[in-house]
């Protein structure tokens, strides 16, 4: 198992980000919102991710950066389930994780919420495949 989380997992294309926020579907698990969209593009990983913590909720950069680091670490540790699901269906996915709460959660609380949100995401992807 490869637990690395390199640049190939990061969503950087402005065109893809714009289309994601315009046409993407949402999965909510307070304090996180996942906006996702399947894509036909061919990139080296099964998914690419964008992590967003709004400046209007956390004025100090070190608070925003801490939350982003925590989210990145949780995704790195728990990406295997999502990757195997996407590879078995031969799909590519782009998604954004948006933090929506004004209070800062601990790492363990954030991990519980994000794992639950990723579980909801995989369920929703499976339901869309069947329809």
N, C-alpha and C. Protein backbone atom coordinates (compact mmCIF):
# COMPACT_ATOMS: atom_id res chain seq x y z
N UNK A 1 0.83 -1.19 0.00
CA UNK A 1 0.00 0.00 0.00
C UNK A 1 0.87 1.25 0.00
N UNK A 2 0.49 2.16 -0.84
CA UNK A 2 1.22 3.42 -0.94
C UNK A 2 0.44 4.50 -0.20
N UNK A 3 1.01 5.01 0.89
CA UNK A 3 0.33 6.03 1.67
C UNK A 3 0.83 7.44 1.39
N UNK A 4 1.51 7.62 0.26
CA UNK A 4 2.01 8.95 -0.07
C UNK A 4 0.86 9.82 -0.58
N UNK A 5 1.06 11.11 -0.52
CA UNK A 5 0.05 12.06 -0.98
C UNK A 5 0.78 13.20 -1.68
N UNK A 6 1.21 12.93 -2.90
CA UNK A 6 2.04 13.88 -3.62
C UNK A 6 1.26 14.86 -4.45
N UNK A 7 1.97 15.58 -5.28
CA UNK A 7 1.38 16.63 -6.11
C UNK A 7 0.35 16.09 -7.10
N UNK A 8 0.51 14.85 -7.52
CA UNK A 8 -0.42 14.29 -8.50
C UNK A 8 -1.85 14.17 -7.95
N UNK A 9 -2.02 14.23 -6.64
CA UNK A 9 -3.34 14.18 -6.02
C UNK A 9 -3.99 15.56 -5.90
N UNK A 10 -3.24 16.61 -6.14
CA UNK A 10 -3.77 17.96 -5.92
C UNK A 10 -4.42 18.51 -7.19
N UNK A 11 -5.58 19.07 -7.01
CA UNK A 11 -6.33 19.65 -8.11
C UNK A 11 -5.85 21.09 -8.31
N UNK A 12 -5.23 21.36 -9.46
CA UNK A 12 -4.63 22.67 -9.71
C UNK A 12 -5.24 23.40 -10.90
N UNK A 13 -5.94 22.71 -11.77
CA UNK A 13 -6.45 23.31 -12.99
C UNK A 13 -7.62 24.25 -12.69
N UNK A 14 -7.50 25.51 -13.09
CA UNK A 14 -8.55 26.49 -12.85
C UNK A 14 -9.84 26.13 -13.59
N UNK A 15 -9.70 25.58 -14.79
CA UNK A 15 -10.88 25.19 -15.56
C UNK A 15 -11.64 24.07 -14.86
N UNK A 16 -10.91 23.07 -14.34
CA UNK A 16 -11.55 21.98 -13.63
C UNK A 16 -12.20 22.46 -12.33
N UNK A 17 -11.54 23.37 -11.63
CA UNK A 17 -12.09 23.90 -10.38
C UNK A 17 -13.37 24.67 -10.65
N UNK A 18 -13.38 25.49 -11.70
CA UNK A 18 -14.59 26.24 -12.06
C UNK A 18 -15.73 25.30 -12.40
N UNK A 19 -15.46 24.29 -13.21
CA UNK A 19 -16.52 23.36 -13.58
C UNK A 19 -16.99 22.54 -12.39
N UNK A 20 -16.08 22.24 -11.47
CA UNK A 20 -16.44 21.49 -10.26
C UNK A 20 -17.45 22.26 -9.42
N UNK A 21 -17.19 23.55 -9.20
CA UNK A 21 -18.08 24.33 -8.36
C UNK A 21 -19.38 24.71 -9.07
N UNK A 22 -19.38 24.71 -10.40
CA UNK A 22 -20.61 25.00 -11.14
C UNK A 22 -21.51 23.78 -11.26
N UNK A 23 -20.92 22.62 -11.58
CA UNK A 23 -21.71 21.45 -11.94
C UNK A 23 -21.58 20.29 -10.96
N UNK A 24 -20.79 20.45 -9.90
CA UNK A 24 -20.54 19.34 -9.00
C UNK A 24 -21.71 19.04 -8.07
N UNK A 25 -21.72 17.82 -7.57
CA UNK A 25 -22.73 17.39 -6.59
C UNK A 25 -22.12 17.49 -5.20
N UNK A 26 -22.99 17.62 -4.18
CA UNK A 26 -22.50 17.85 -2.82
C UNK A 26 -22.83 16.69 -1.90
N UNK A 27 -21.90 16.46 -0.97
CA UNK A 27 -22.10 15.55 0.15
C UNK A 27 -21.75 16.36 1.39
N UNK A 28 -22.69 16.41 2.35
CA UNK A 28 -22.44 17.21 3.55
C UNK A 28 -22.32 16.32 4.78
N UNK A 29 -21.31 16.60 5.54
CA UNK A 29 -21.10 15.98 6.86
C UNK A 29 -20.49 17.08 7.71
N UNK A 30 -21.35 17.74 8.51
CA UNK A 30 -20.91 18.92 9.24
C UNK A 30 -19.65 18.63 10.02
N UNK A 31 -18.64 19.44 9.94
CA UNK A 31 -18.45 20.76 9.35
C UNK A 31 -17.82 20.72 7.96
N UNK A 32 -17.96 19.63 7.25
CA UNK A 32 -17.33 19.50 5.94
C UNK A 32 -18.38 19.38 4.84
N UNK A 33 -18.08 19.95 3.71
CA UNK A 33 -18.88 19.77 2.51
C UNK A 33 -17.94 19.27 1.42
N UNK A 34 -18.32 18.16 0.81
CA UNK A 34 -17.52 17.62 -0.30
C UNK A 34 -18.30 17.89 -1.59
N UNK A 35 -17.67 18.58 -2.50
CA UNK A 35 -18.24 18.84 -3.81
C UNK A 35 -17.45 17.99 -4.80
N UNK A 36 -18.15 17.11 -5.52
CA UNK A 36 -17.43 16.17 -6.37
C UNK A 36 -18.04 16.13 -7.77
N UNK A 37 -17.21 15.67 -8.69
CA UNK A 37 -17.65 15.53 -10.06
C UNK A 37 -16.79 14.45 -10.73
N UNK A 38 -17.43 13.46 -11.36
CA UNK A 38 -16.64 12.49 -12.13
C UNK A 38 -16.08 13.19 -13.37
N UNK A 39 -14.94 12.76 -13.79
CA UNK A 39 -14.31 13.38 -14.95
C UNK A 39 -13.79 12.31 -15.90
N UNK A 40 -13.74 12.64 -17.16
CA UNK A 40 -13.23 11.72 -18.17
C UNK A 40 -11.76 11.94 -18.45
N UNK A 41 -11.17 12.93 -17.80
CA UNK A 41 -9.76 13.22 -18.04
C UNK A 41 -8.88 12.11 -17.52
N UNK A 42 -7.73 11.98 -18.11
CA UNK A 42 -6.80 10.93 -17.71
C UNK A 42 -5.64 11.53 -16.94
N UNK A 43 -5.68 11.36 -15.62
CA UNK A 43 -4.53 11.73 -14.81
C UNK A 43 -4.04 10.49 -14.08
N UNK A 44 -2.85 10.57 -13.52
CA UNK A 44 -2.16 9.37 -13.03
C UNK A 44 -2.80 8.74 -11.80
N UNK A 45 -3.63 9.47 -11.06
CA UNK A 45 -4.27 8.91 -9.87
C UNK A 45 -5.77 8.77 -10.13
N UNK A 46 -6.46 8.09 -9.23
CA UNK A 46 -7.89 7.88 -9.43
C UNK A 46 -8.72 9.09 -9.00
N UNK A 47 -8.13 9.98 -8.21
CA UNK A 47 -8.84 11.21 -7.83
C UNK A 47 -7.86 12.35 -7.64
N UNK A 48 -8.41 13.58 -7.72
CA UNK A 48 -7.66 14.78 -7.38
C UNK A 48 -8.52 15.58 -6.42
N UNK A 49 -7.87 16.25 -5.48
CA UNK A 49 -8.58 16.91 -4.39
C UNK A 49 -8.14 18.36 -4.23
N UNK A 50 -9.09 19.18 -3.83
CA UNK A 50 -8.86 20.57 -3.49
C UNK A 50 -9.36 20.76 -2.06
N UNK A 51 -8.57 21.38 -1.21
CA UNK A 51 -8.96 21.61 0.18
C UNK A 51 -9.11 23.10 0.39
N UNK A 52 -10.27 23.51 0.94
CA UNK A 52 -10.56 24.92 1.11
C UNK A 52 -11.03 25.21 2.54
N UNK A 53 -10.40 26.19 3.15
CA UNK A 53 -10.83 26.71 4.45
C UNK A 53 -10.99 28.21 4.27
N UNK A 54 -12.23 28.72 4.31
CA UNK A 54 -12.47 30.13 3.98
C UNK A 54 -11.81 31.10 4.95
N UNK A 55 -11.32 32.18 4.37
CA UNK A 55 -10.66 33.22 5.15
C UNK A 55 -11.65 33.97 6.04
N UNK A 56 -12.91 34.03 5.64
CA UNK A 56 -13.88 34.76 6.47
C UNK A 56 -14.21 34.00 7.74
N UNK A 57 -13.94 32.67 7.78
CA UNK A 57 -14.18 31.90 9.00
C UNK A 57 -12.97 31.90 9.91
N UNK A 58 -11.77 31.85 9.33
CA UNK A 58 -10.53 31.84 10.10
C UNK A 58 -9.62 32.93 9.55
N UNK A 59 -9.53 34.02 10.27
CA UNK A 59 -8.76 35.18 9.79
C UNK A 59 -7.26 34.91 9.77
N UNK A 60 -6.79 34.10 10.71
CA UNK A 60 -5.34 33.87 10.81
C UNK A 60 -4.93 32.70 9.93
N UNK A 61 -3.87 32.92 9.18
CA UNK A 61 -3.41 31.92 8.22
C UNK A 61 -2.98 30.64 8.91
N UNK A 62 -2.40 30.74 10.10
CA UNK A 62 -1.93 29.52 10.75
C UNK A 62 -3.09 28.63 11.17
N UNK A 63 -4.25 29.21 11.45
CA UNK A 63 -5.44 28.40 11.75
C UNK A 63 -5.94 27.69 10.50
N UNK A 64 -6.01 28.41 9.39
CA UNK A 64 -6.43 27.79 8.13
C UNK A 64 -5.47 26.70 7.70
N UNK A 65 -4.18 26.96 7.81
CA UNK A 65 -3.17 26.00 7.40
C UNK A 65 -3.22 24.74 8.26
N UNK A 66 -3.49 24.90 9.57
CA UNK A 66 -3.58 23.75 10.47
C UNK A 66 -4.72 22.83 10.03
N UNK A 67 -5.88 23.42 9.73
CA UNK A 67 -7.03 22.62 9.32
C UNK A 67 -6.75 21.93 7.99
N UNK A 68 -6.12 22.64 7.05
CA UNK A 68 -5.78 22.03 5.77
C UNK A 68 -4.80 20.87 5.94
N UNK A 69 -3.80 21.05 6.80
CA UNK A 69 -2.84 19.97 7.06
C UNK A 69 -3.53 18.75 7.65
N UNK A 70 -4.44 18.99 8.58
CA UNK A 70 -5.18 17.88 9.19
C UNK A 70 -6.01 17.14 8.15
N UNK A 71 -6.72 17.87 7.31
CA UNK A 71 -7.55 17.25 6.27
C UNK A 71 -6.68 16.46 5.30
N UNK A 72 -5.54 17.03 4.90
CA UNK A 72 -4.63 16.34 4.00
C UNK A 72 -4.13 15.03 4.61
N UNK A 73 -3.81 15.07 5.90
CA UNK A 73 -3.30 13.88 6.58
C UNK A 73 -4.38 12.80 6.67
N UNK A 74 -5.61 13.20 6.96
CA UNK A 74 -6.71 12.23 7.05
C UNK A 74 -6.96 11.60 5.68
N UNK A 75 -6.95 12.41 4.64
CA UNK A 75 -7.15 11.87 3.29
C UNK A 75 -6.00 10.93 2.93
N UNK A 76 -4.79 11.29 3.28
CA UNK A 76 -3.63 10.45 2.99
C UNK A 76 -3.76 9.08 3.67
N UNK A 77 -4.20 9.08 4.92
CA UNK A 77 -4.32 7.83 5.66
C UNK A 77 -5.50 6.98 5.22
N UNK A 78 -6.56 7.60 4.71
CA UNK A 78 -7.79 6.88 4.42
C UNK A 78 -8.18 6.87 2.94
N UNK A 79 -7.22 7.10 2.06
CA UNK A 79 -7.54 7.20 0.63
C UNK A 79 -7.71 5.83 -0.02
N UNK A 80 -7.26 4.77 0.63
CA UNK A 80 -7.27 3.45 0.00
C UNK A 80 -8.69 3.00 -0.37
N UNK A 81 -9.66 3.21 0.53
CA UNK A 81 -11.04 2.79 0.27
C UNK A 81 -11.59 3.48 -0.98
N UNK A 82 -11.38 4.78 -1.05
CA UNK A 82 -11.88 5.55 -2.19
C UNK A 82 -11.17 5.15 -3.49
N UNK A 83 -9.86 4.96 -3.42
CA UNK A 83 -9.10 4.58 -4.61
C UNK A 83 -9.53 3.21 -5.13
N UNK A 84 -9.70 2.24 -4.26
CA UNK A 84 -10.10 0.91 -4.72
C UNK A 84 -11.50 0.95 -5.32
N UNK A 85 -12.40 1.74 -4.73
CA UNK A 85 -13.75 1.88 -5.24
C UNK A 85 -13.74 2.48 -6.65
N UNK A 86 -12.95 3.55 -6.83
CA UNK A 86 -12.89 4.21 -8.12
C UNK A 86 -12.21 3.34 -9.18
N UNK A 87 -11.15 2.63 -8.78
CA UNK A 87 -10.43 1.79 -9.74
C UNK A 87 -11.27 0.59 -10.17
N UNK A 88 -12.08 0.05 -9.25
CA UNK A 88 -12.93 -1.09 -9.61
C UNK A 88 -14.02 -0.68 -10.60
N UNK A 89 -14.48 0.57 -10.50
CA UNK A 89 -15.48 1.08 -11.43
C UNK A 89 -14.86 1.78 -12.64
N UNK A 90 -13.53 1.84 -12.67
CA UNK A 90 -12.78 2.49 -13.75
C UNK A 90 -13.22 3.94 -13.92
N UNK A 91 -13.24 4.68 -12.82
CA UNK A 91 -13.67 6.08 -12.81
C UNK A 91 -12.53 6.97 -12.33
N UNK A 92 -12.60 8.23 -12.74
CA UNK A 92 -11.73 9.28 -12.24
C UNK A 92 -12.62 10.33 -11.61
N UNK A 93 -12.17 10.92 -10.49
CA UNK A 93 -13.00 11.82 -9.73
C UNK A 93 -12.20 13.05 -9.33
N UNK A 94 -12.84 14.20 -9.38
CA UNK A 94 -12.26 15.41 -8.78
C UNK A 94 -13.21 15.85 -7.68
N UNK A 95 -12.65 16.29 -6.56
CA UNK A 95 -13.51 16.78 -5.50
C UNK A 95 -12.82 17.82 -4.64
N UNK A 96 -13.66 18.63 -4.00
CA UNK A 96 -13.18 19.68 -3.12
C UNK A 96 -13.75 19.42 -1.73
N UNK A 97 -12.91 19.58 -0.72
CA UNK A 97 -13.35 19.49 0.67
C UNK A 97 -13.36 20.91 1.21
N UNK A 98 -14.54 21.39 1.61
CA UNK A 98 -14.69 22.75 2.12
C UNK A 98 -15.06 22.67 3.59
N UNK A 99 -14.29 23.33 4.42
CA UNK A 99 -14.54 23.37 5.85
C UNK A 99 -15.51 24.52 6.12
N UNK A 100 -16.65 24.24 6.80
CA UNK A 100 -17.71 25.24 6.90
C UNK A 100 -17.99 25.72 8.32
N UNK A 101 -17.29 25.24 9.31
CA UNK A 101 -17.58 25.61 10.69
C UNK A 101 -16.69 26.76 11.15
N UNK A 102 -17.19 27.53 12.13
CA UNK A 102 -16.38 28.62 12.68
C UNK A 102 -15.47 28.14 13.79
N UNK A 103 -15.77 26.98 14.40
CA UNK A 103 -14.90 26.48 15.45
C UNK A 103 -13.90 25.47 14.88
N UNK A 104 -12.75 25.43 15.49
CA UNK A 104 -11.67 24.58 15.02
C UNK A 104 -11.76 23.24 15.75
N UNK A 105 -11.91 22.16 15.00
CA UNK A 105 -11.99 20.83 15.59
C UNK A 105 -10.61 20.24 15.82
N UNK A 106 -10.53 19.28 16.71
CA UNK A 106 -9.27 18.58 16.92
C UNK A 106 -9.06 17.61 15.76
N UNK A 107 -7.85 17.07 15.68
CA UNK A 107 -7.52 16.16 14.60
C UNK A 107 -8.41 14.92 14.63
N UNK A 108 -8.63 14.35 15.81
CA UNK A 108 -9.44 13.12 15.89
C UNK A 108 -10.89 13.38 15.51
N UNK A 109 -11.44 14.52 15.92
CA UNK A 109 -12.81 14.86 15.53
C UNK A 109 -12.91 15.05 14.02
N UNK A 110 -11.93 15.75 13.47
CA UNK A 110 -11.90 15.99 12.03
C UNK A 110 -11.76 14.68 11.27
N UNK A 111 -10.96 13.77 11.79
CA UNK A 111 -10.77 12.48 11.14
C UNK A 111 -12.08 11.69 11.11
N UNK A 112 -12.81 11.68 12.22
CA UNK A 112 -14.09 10.97 12.26
C UNK A 112 -15.06 11.53 11.23
N UNK A 113 -15.16 12.85 11.17
CA UNK A 113 -16.10 13.50 10.25
C UNK A 113 -15.71 13.26 8.80
N UNK A 114 -14.43 13.36 8.49
CA UNK A 114 -13.99 13.20 7.11
C UNK A 114 -14.11 11.75 6.64
N UNK A 115 -13.83 10.80 7.51
CA UNK A 115 -13.99 9.39 7.15
C UNK A 115 -15.46 9.09 6.86
N UNK A 116 -16.35 9.66 7.67
CA UNK A 116 -17.79 9.48 7.45
C UNK A 116 -18.21 10.13 6.13
N UNK A 117 -17.66 11.31 5.84
CA UNK A 117 -18.00 12.01 4.60
C UNK A 117 -17.49 11.25 3.38
N UNK A 118 -16.30 10.67 3.47
CA UNK A 118 -15.76 9.88 2.36
C UNK A 118 -16.60 8.62 2.16
N UNK A 119 -17.09 8.04 3.26
CA UNK A 119 -18.00 6.90 3.15
C UNK A 119 -19.28 7.27 2.44
N UNK A 120 -19.85 8.43 2.78
CA UNK A 120 -21.05 8.91 2.08
C UNK A 120 -20.76 9.15 0.60
N UNK A 121 -19.57 9.66 0.31
CA UNK A 121 -19.19 9.92 -1.07
C UNK A 121 -19.13 8.63 -1.87
N UNK A 122 -18.52 7.59 -1.32
CA UNK A 122 -18.44 6.31 -2.05
C UNK A 122 -19.82 5.71 -2.25
N UNK A 123 -20.71 5.85 -1.25
CA UNK A 123 -22.08 5.34 -1.40
C UNK A 123 -22.79 6.09 -2.53
N UNK A 124 -22.62 7.40 -2.56
CA UNK A 124 -23.29 8.20 -3.59
C UNK A 124 -22.74 7.89 -4.98
N UNK A 125 -21.45 7.64 -5.08
CA UNK A 125 -20.85 7.29 -6.37
C UNK A 125 -21.42 5.95 -6.85
N UNK A 126 -21.56 4.99 -5.92
CA UNK A 126 -22.13 3.68 -6.28
C UNK A 126 -23.59 3.83 -6.74
N UNK A 127 -24.36 4.67 -6.07
CA UNK A 127 -25.75 4.87 -6.46
C UNK A 127 -25.85 5.52 -7.84
N UNK A 128 -24.95 6.45 -8.13
CA UNK A 128 -24.95 7.09 -9.46
C UNK A 128 -24.56 6.11 -10.55
N UNK A 129 -23.70 5.14 -10.23
CA UNK A 129 -23.31 4.13 -11.22
C UNK A 129 -24.47 3.22 -11.56
N UNK A 130 -25.31 2.91 -10.57
CA UNK A 130 -26.43 2.00 -10.80
C UNK A 130 -27.54 2.67 -11.59
N UNK A 131 -27.65 4.00 -11.47
CA UNK A 131 -28.72 4.73 -12.18
C UNK A 131 -28.37 5.04 -13.60
